[in-house]
């Protein structure tokens, strides 16, 4: 199973009590999958740049790159 499939599977397992025939619950699950995939993508970007991801006071993701732009 690739990483994307694994993330989707993990989210589906965590919402195993939900019914996918219910539009509201499908929306909740879709948002959870989107959030997990976005987080994983940001983490990969931070890893690529040798940095890290942290959450600010507003709950927003901040990517620290460890790249200095000062000469």
PDB file of N, CA and C in Angstrom:
ATOM      1  N   UNK A   1       0.860  -1.172   0.000  1.00  0.00           N
ATOM      2  CA  UNK A   1       0.000   0.000   0.000  1.00  0.00           C
ATOM      3  C   UNK A   1       0.907   1.236   0.000  1.00  0.00           C
ATOM      4  N   UNK A   2       0.645   2.181  -0.898  1.00  0.00           N
ATOM      5  CA  UNK A   2       1.458   3.398  -0.918  1.00  0.00           C
ATOM      6  C   UNK A   2       1.033   4.347   0.200  1.00  0.00           C
ATOM      7  N   UNK A   3       1.794   5.435   0.367  1.00  0.00           N
ATOM      8  CA  UNK A   3       1.551   6.341   1.484  1.00  0.00           C
ATOM      9  C   UNK A   3       0.169   6.993   1.422  1.00  0.00           C
ATOM     10  N   UNK A   4      -0.265   7.389   0.230  1.00  0.00           N
ATOM     11  CA  UNK A   4      -1.584   8.020   0.101  1.00  0.00           C
ATOM     12  C   UNK A   4      -2.679   7.035   0.485  1.00  0.00           C
ATOM     13  N   UNK A   5      -2.599   5.826  -0.029  1.00  0.00           N
ATOM     14  CA  UNK A   5      -3.598   4.809   0.306  1.00  0.00           C
ATOM     15  C   UNK A   5      -3.591   4.512   1.800  1.00  0.00           C
ATOM     16  N   UNK A   6      -2.409   4.503   2.381  1.00  0.00           N
ATOM     17  CA  UNK A   6      -2.294   4.248   3.814  1.00  0.00           C
ATOM     18  C   UNK A   6      -2.957   5.355   4.634  1.00  0.00           C
ATOM     19  N   UNK A   7      -2.752   6.602   4.219  1.00  0.00           N
ATOM     20  CA  UNK A   7      -3.381   7.719   4.926  1.00  0.00           C
ATOM     21  C   UNK A   7      -4.902   7.634   4.816  1.00  0.00           C
ATOM     22  N   UNK A   8      -5.406   7.387   3.614  1.00  0.00           N
ATOM     23  CA  UNK A   8      -6.856   7.272   3.418  1.00  0.00           C
ATOM     24  C   UNK A   8      -7.402   6.123   4.262  1.00  0.00           C
ATOM     25  N   UNK A   9      -6.711   5.001   4.248  1.00  0.00           N
ATOM     26  CA  UNK A   9      -7.146   3.843   5.022  1.00  0.00           C
ATOM     27  C   UNK A   9      -7.170   4.153   6.516  1.00  0.00           C
ATOM     28  N   UNK A  10      -6.135   4.833   7.018  1.00  0.00           N
ATOM     29  CA  UNK A  10      -6.093   5.194   8.441  1.00  0.00           C
ATOM     30  C   UNK A  10      -7.266   6.078   8.837  1.00  0.00           C
ATOM     31  N   UNK A  11      -7.585   7.059   7.978  1.00  0.00           N
ATOM     32  CA  UNK A  11      -8.716   7.943   8.269  1.00  0.00           C
ATOM     33  C   UNK A  11     -10.019   7.161   8.239  1.00  0.00           C
ATOM     34  N   UNK A  12     -10.196   6.313   7.244  1.00  0.00           N
ATOM     35  CA  UNK A  12     -11.426   5.517   7.162  1.00  0.00           C
ATOM     36  C   UNK A  12     -11.574   4.615   8.383  1.00  0.00           C
ATOM     37  N   UNK A  13     -10.468   4.027   8.843  1.00  0.00           N
ATOM     38  CA  UNK A  13     -10.527   3.176  10.029  1.00  0.00           C
ATOM     39  C   UNK A  13     -10.884   3.980  11.274  1.00  0.00           C
ATOM     40  N   UNK A  14     -10.402   5.228  11.351  1.00  0.00           N
ATOM     41  CA  UNK A  14     -10.717   6.040  12.527  1.00  0.00           C
ATOM     42  C   UNK A  14     -12.173   6.524  12.515  1.00  0.00           C
ATOM     43  N   UNK A  15     -12.808   6.486  11.362  1.00  0.00           N
ATOM     44  CA  UNK A  15     -14.219   6.862  11.240  1.00  0.00           C
ATOM     45  C   UNK A  15     -15.078   5.642  10.890  1.00  0.00           C
ATOM     46  N   UNK A  16     -14.691   4.489  11.386  1.00  0.00           N
ATOM     47  CA  UNK A  16     -15.377   3.253  10.995  1.00  0.00           C
ATOM     48  C   UNK A  16     -16.831   3.182  11.448  1.00  0.00           C
ATOM     49  N   UNK A  17     -17.244   4.042  12.348  1.00  0.00           N
ATOM     50  CA  UNK A  17     -18.639   4.061  12.787  1.00  0.00           C
ATOM     51  C   UNK A  17     -19.528   4.928  11.915  1.00  0.00           C
ATOM     52  N   UNK A  18     -18.942   5.617  10.954  1.00  0.00           N
ATOM     53  CA  UNK A  18     -19.707   6.505  10.078  1.00  0.00           C
ATOM     54  C   UNK A  18     -20.297   5.731   8.910  1.00  0.00           C
ATOM     55  N   UNK A  19     -21.399   6.240   8.409  1.00  0.00           N
ATOM     56  CA  UNK A  19     -22.040   5.654   7.229  1.00  0.00           C
ATOM     57  C   UNK A  19     -21.708   6.505   6.015  1.00  0.00           C
ATOM     58  N   UNK A  20     -21.194   5.887   4.995  1.00  0.00           N
ATOM     59  CA  UNK A  20     -20.854   6.643   3.798  1.00  0.00           C
ATOM     60  C   UNK A  20     -22.071   6.951   2.930  1.00  0.00           C
ATOM     61  N   UNK A  21     -23.253   6.466   3.327  1.00  0.00           N
ATOM     62  CA  UNK A  21     -24.457   6.802   2.583  1.00  0.00           C
ATOM     63  C   UNK A  21     -25.096   8.082   3.115  1.00  0.00           C
ATOM     64  N   UNK A  22     -24.419   8.736   4.056  1.00  0.00           N
ATOM     65  CA  UNK A  22     -24.889   9.968   4.666  1.00  0.00           C
ATOM     66  C   UNK A  22     -23.997  11.108   4.183  1.00  0.00           C
ATOM     67  N   UNK A  23     -24.574  12.107   3.525  1.00  0.00           N
ATOM     68  CA  UNK A  23     -23.784  13.191   2.921  1.00  0.00           C
ATOM     69  C   UNK A  23     -22.963  13.955   3.964  1.00  0.00           C
ATOM     70  N   UNK A  24     -23.528  14.209   5.113  1.00  0.00           N
ATOM     71  CA  UNK A  24     -22.812  14.949   6.162  1.00  0.00           C
ATOM     72  C   UNK A  24     -21.589  14.168   6.642  1.00  0.00           C
ATOM     73  N   UNK A  25     -21.737  12.879   6.846  1.00  0.00           N
ATOM     74  CA  UNK A  25     -20.608  12.065   7.304  1.00  0.00           C
ATOM     75  C   UNK A  25     -19.555  11.901   6.208  1.00  0.00           C
ATOM     76  N   UNK A  26     -19.978  11.819   4.948  1.00  0.00           N
ATOM     77  CA  UNK A  26     -19.012  11.773   3.840  1.00  0.00           C
ATOM     78  C   UNK A  26     -18.179  13.041   3.826  1.00  0.00           C
ATOM     79  N   UNK A  27     -18.818  14.173   4.082  1.00  0.00           N
ATOM     80  CA  UNK A  27     -18.121  15.450   4.111  1.00  0.00           C
ATOM     81  C   UNK A  27     -17.102  15.492   5.249  1.00  0.00           C
ATOM     82  N   UNK A  28     -17.470  14.999   6.402  1.00  0.00           N
ATOM     83  CA  UNK A  28     -16.552  14.953   7.550  1.00  0.00           C
ATOM     84  C   UNK A  28     -15.341  14.090   7.211  1.00  0.00           C
ATOM     85  N   UNK A  29     -15.587  12.936   6.627  1.00  0.00           N
ATOM     86  CA  UNK A  29     -14.494  12.023   6.272  1.00  0.00           C
ATOM     87  C   UNK A  29     -13.619  12.637   5.176  1.00  0.00           C
ATOM     88  N   UNK A  30     -14.232  13.249   4.182  1.00  0.00           N
ATOM     89  CA  UNK A  30     -13.460  13.876   3.104  1.00  0.00           C
ATOM     90  C   UNK A  30     -12.563  14.984   3.654  1.00  0.00           C
ATOM     91  N   UNK A  31     -13.080  15.778   4.566  1.00  0.00           N
ATOM     92  CA  UNK A  31     -12.272  16.842   5.173  1.00  0.00           C
ATOM     93  C   UNK A  31     -11.134  16.262   6.006  1.00  0.00           C
ATOM     94  N   UNK A  32     -11.390  15.177   6.711  1.00  0.00           N
ATOM     95  CA  UNK A  32     -10.337  14.534   7.504  1.00  0.00           C
ATOM     96  C   UNK A  32      -9.240  13.978   6.599  1.00  0.00           C
ATOM     97  N   UNK A  33      -9.626  13.356   5.490  1.00  0.00           N
ATOM     98  CA  UNK A  33      -8.637  12.832   4.534  1.00  0.00           C
ATOM     99  C   UNK A  33      -7.825  13.983   3.946  1.00  0.00           C
ATOM    100  N   UNK A  34      -8.492  15.064   3.540  1.00  0.00           N
ATOM    101  CA  UNK A  34      -7.799  16.216   2.968  1.00  0.00           C
ATOM    102  C   UNK A  34      -6.809  16.801   3.968  1.00  0.00           C
ATOM    103  N   UNK A  35      -7.212  16.902   5.209  1.00  0.00           N
ATOM    104  CA  UNK A  35      -6.337  17.444   6.243  1.00  0.00           C
ATOM    105  C   UNK A  35      -5.101  16.576   6.455  1.00  0.00           C
ATOM    106  N   UNK A  36      -5.296  15.265   6.524  1.00  0.00           N
ATOM    107  CA  UNK A  36      -4.168  14.341   6.708  1.00  0.00           C
ATOM    108  C   UNK A  36      -3.224  14.377   5.513  1.00  0.00           C
ATOM    109  N   UNK A  37      -3.779  14.425   4.286  1.00  0.00           N
ATOM    110  CA  UNK A  37      -2.934  14.473   3.095  1.00  0.00           C
ATOM    111  C   UNK A  37      -2.153  15.788   3.023  1.00  0.00           C
ATOM    112  N   UNK A  38      -2.797  16.893   3.390  1.00  0.00           N
ATOM    113  CA  UNK A  38      -2.112  18.181   3.412  1.00  0.00           C
ATOM    114  C   UNK A  38      -0.984  18.176   4.432  1.00  0.00           C
ATOM    115  N   UNK A  39      -1.251  17.647   5.616  1.00  0.00           N
ATOM    116  CA  UNK A  39      -0.220  17.562   6.653  1.00  0.00           C
ATOM    117  C   UNK A  39       0.957  16.714   6.197  1.00  0.00           C
ATOM    118  N   UNK A  40       0.665  15.592   5.577  1.00  0.00           N
ATOM    119  CA  UNK A  40       1.738  14.710   5.093  1.00  0.00           C
ATOM    120  C   UNK A  40       2.550  15.403   4.000  1.00  0.00           C
ATOM    121  N   UNK A  41       1.883  16.143   3.113  1.00  0.00           N
ATOM    122  CA  UNK A  41       2.581  16.861   2.048  1.00  0.00           C
ATOM    123  C   UNK A  41       3.483  17.944   2.617  1.00  0.00           C
ATOM    124  N   UNK A  42       2.986  18.696   3.593  1.00  0.00           N
ATOM    125  CA  UNK A  42       3.801  19.730   4.223  1.00  0.00           C
ATOM    126  C   UNK A  42       4.994  19.124   4.949  1.00  0.00           C
ATOM    127  N   UNK A  43       4.790  17.981   5.585  1.00  0.00           N
ATOM    128  CA  UNK A  43       5.894  17.321   6.273  1.00  0.00           C
ATOM    129  C   UNK A  43       6.961  16.877   5.277  1.00  0.00           C
ATOM    130  N   UNK A  44       6.535  16.352   4.132  1.00  0.00           N
ATOM    131  CA  UNK A  44       7.496  15.959   3.094  1.00  0.00           C
ATOM    132  C   UNK A  44       8.271  17.170   2.590  1.00  0.00           C
ATOM    133  N   UNK A  45       7.592  18.302   2.423  1.00  0.00           N
ATOM    134  CA  UNK A  45       8.258  19.519   1.980  1.00  0.00           C
ATOM    135  C   UNK A  45       9.291  19.961   3.015  1.00  0.00           C
ATOM    136  N   UNK A  46       8.903  19.966   4.276  1.00  0.00           N
ATOM    137  CA  UNK A  46       9.832  20.355   5.338  1.00  0.00           C
ATOM    138  C   UNK A  46      11.026  19.410   5.381  1.00  0.00           C
ATOM    139  N   UNK A  47      10.788  18.121   5.226  1.00  0.00           N
ATOM    140  CA  UNK A  47      11.885  17.146   5.208  1.00  0.00           C
ATOM    141  C   UNK A  47      12.829  17.406   4.044  1.00  0.00           C
ATOM    142  N   UNK A  48      12.264  17.711   2.895  1.00  0.00           N
ATOM    143  CA  UNK A  48      13.062  17.987   1.705  1.00  0.00           C
ATOM    144  C   UNK A  48      13.959  19.208   1.917  1.00  0.00           C
ATOM    145  N   UNK A  49      13.436  20.201   2.631  1.00  0.00           N
ATOM    146  CA  UNK A  49      14.174  21.428   2.876  1.00  0.00           C
ATOM    147  C   UNK A  49      15.038  21.355   4.138  1.00  0.00           C
ATOM    148  N   UNK A  50      15.020  20.217   4.801  1.00  0.00           N
ATOM    149  CA  UNK A  50      15.806  20.064   6.017  1.00  0.00           C
ATOM    150  C   UNK A  50      15.242  20.844   7.185  1.00  0.00           C
ATOM    151  N   UNK A  51      13.958  21.078   7.176  1.00  0.00           N
ATOM    152  CA  UNK A  51      13.326  21.887   8.210  1.00  0.00           C
ATOM    153  C   UNK A  51      12.296  21.120   9.011  1.00  0.00           C
ATOM    154  N   UNK A  52      11.345  21.861   9.512  1.00  0.00           N
ATOM    155  CA  UNK A  52      10.302  21.258  10.341  1.00  0.00           C
ATOM    156  C   UNK A  52       9.005  22.039  10.185  1.00  0.00           C
ATOM    157  N   UNK A  53       7.937  21.448  10.686  1.00  0.00           N
ATOM    158  CA  UNK A  53       6.623  22.105  10.694  1.00  0.00           C
ATOM    159  C   UNK A  53       6.216  22.298  12.143  1.00  0.00           C
ATOM    160  N   UNK A  54       5.730  23.488  12.423  1.00  0.00           N
ATOM    161  CA  UNK A  54       5.195  23.780  13.747  1.00  0.00           C
ATOM    162  C   UNK A  54       3.859  24.479  13.564  1.00  0.00           C
ATOM    163  N   UNK A  55       3.093  24.536  14.627  1.00  0.00           N
ATOM    164  CA  UNK A  55       1.783  25.177  14.594  1.00  0.00           C
ATOM    165  C   UNK A  55       1.865  26.482  15.363  1.00  0.00           C
ATOM    166  N   UNK A  56       1.388  27.580  14.749  1.00  0.00           N
ATOM    167  CA  UNK A  56       1.430  28.870  15.436  1.00  0.00           C
ATOM    168  C   UNK A  56       0.229  29.018  16.369  1.00  0.00           C
ATOM    169  N   UNK A  57       0.123  30.166  17.010  1.00  0.00           N
ATOM    170  CA  UNK A  57      -0.942  30.408  17.986  1.00  0.00           C
ATOM    171  C   UNK A  57      -2.338  30.391  17.379  1.00  0.00           C
ATOM    172  N   UNK A  58      -2.426  30.578  16.065  1.00  0.00           N
ATOM    173  CA  UNK A  58      -3.719  30.558  15.375  1.00  0.00           C
ATOM    174  C   UNK A  58      -4.063  29.190  14.821  1.00  0.00           C
ATOM    175  N   UNK A  59      -3.196  28.191  15.082  1.00  0.00           N
ATOM    176  CA  UNK A  59      -3.430  26.852  14.581  1.00  0.00           C
ATOM    177  C   UNK A  59      -2.977  26.644  13.147  1.00  0.00           C
ATOM    178  N   UNK A  60      -2.253  27.616  12.599  1.00  0.00           N
ATOM    179  CA  UNK A  60      -1.772  27.530  11.226  1.00  0.00           C
ATOM    180  C   UNK A  60      -0.420  26.828  11.187  1.00  0.00           C
ATOM    181  N   UNK A  61      -0.180  26.066  10.138  1.00  0.00           N
ATOM    182  CA  UNK A  61       1.101  25.380   9.973  1.00  0.00           C
ATOM    183  C   UNK A  61       2.153  26.374   9.501  1.00  0.00           C
ATOM    184  N   UNK A  62       3.326  26.293  10.120  1.00  0.00           N
ATOM    185  CA  UNK A  62       4.461  27.122   9.731  1.00  0.00           C
ATOM    186  C   UNK A  62       5.589  26.172   9.365  1.00  0.00           C
ATOM    187  N   UNK A  63       6.145  26.339   8.157  1.00  0.00           N
ATOM    188  CA  UNK A  63       7.243  25.486   7.705  1.00  0.00           C
ATOM    189  C   UNK A  63       8.541  26.247   7.933  1.00  0.00           C
ATOM    190  N   UNK A  64       9.376  25.702   8.818  1.00  0.00           N
ATOM    191  CA  UNK A  64      10.711  26.257   9.026  1.00  0.00           C
ATOM    192  C   UNK A  64      11.649  25.487   8.119  1.00  0.00           C
ATOM    193  N   UNK A  65      12.435  26.212   7.328  1.00  0.00           N
ATOM    194  CA  UNK A  65      13.241  25.578   6.297  1.00  0.00           C
ATOM    195  C   UNK A  65      14.701  25.371   6.668  1.00  0.00           C
ATOM    196  N   UNK A  66      15.193  26.075   7.674  1.00  0.00           N
ATOM    197  CA  UNK A  66      16.621  26.055   8.006  1.00  0.00           C
ATOM    198  C   UNK A  66      17.462  26.568   6.855  1.00  0.00           C
ATOM    199  N   UNK A  67      16.842  27.338   5.952  1.00  0.00           N
ATOM    200  CA  UNK A  67      17.557  27.952   4.845  1.00  0.00           C
ATOM    201  C   UNK A  67      17.732  29.431   5.188  1.00  0.00           C
ATOM    202  N   UNK A  68      18.979  29.878   5.197  1.00  0.00           N
ATOM    203  CA  UNK A  68      19.272  31.270   5.496  1.00  0.00           C
ATOM    204  C   UNK A  68      19.394  32.057   4.200  1.00  0.00           C
ATOM    205  N   UNK A  69      18.689  33.170   4.107  1.00  0.00           N
ATOM    206  CA  UNK A  69      18.746  34.001   2.914  1.00  0.00           C
ATOM    207  C   UNK A  69      19.719  35.166   3.110  1.00  0.00           C
ATOM    208  N   UNK A  70      20.327  35.225   4.249  1.00  0.00           N
ATOM    209  CA  UNK A  70      21.327  36.272   4.515  1.00  0.00           C
ATOM    210  C   UNK A  70      22.681  35.759   4.040  1.00  0.00           C
ATOM    211  N   UNK A  71      23.344  36.584   3.239  1.00  0.00           N
ATOM    212  CA  UNK A  71      24.578  36.207   2.585  1.00  0.00           C
ATOM    213  C   UNK A  71      25.730  36.019   3.460  1.00  0.00           C
TER     214      UNK A  71
END
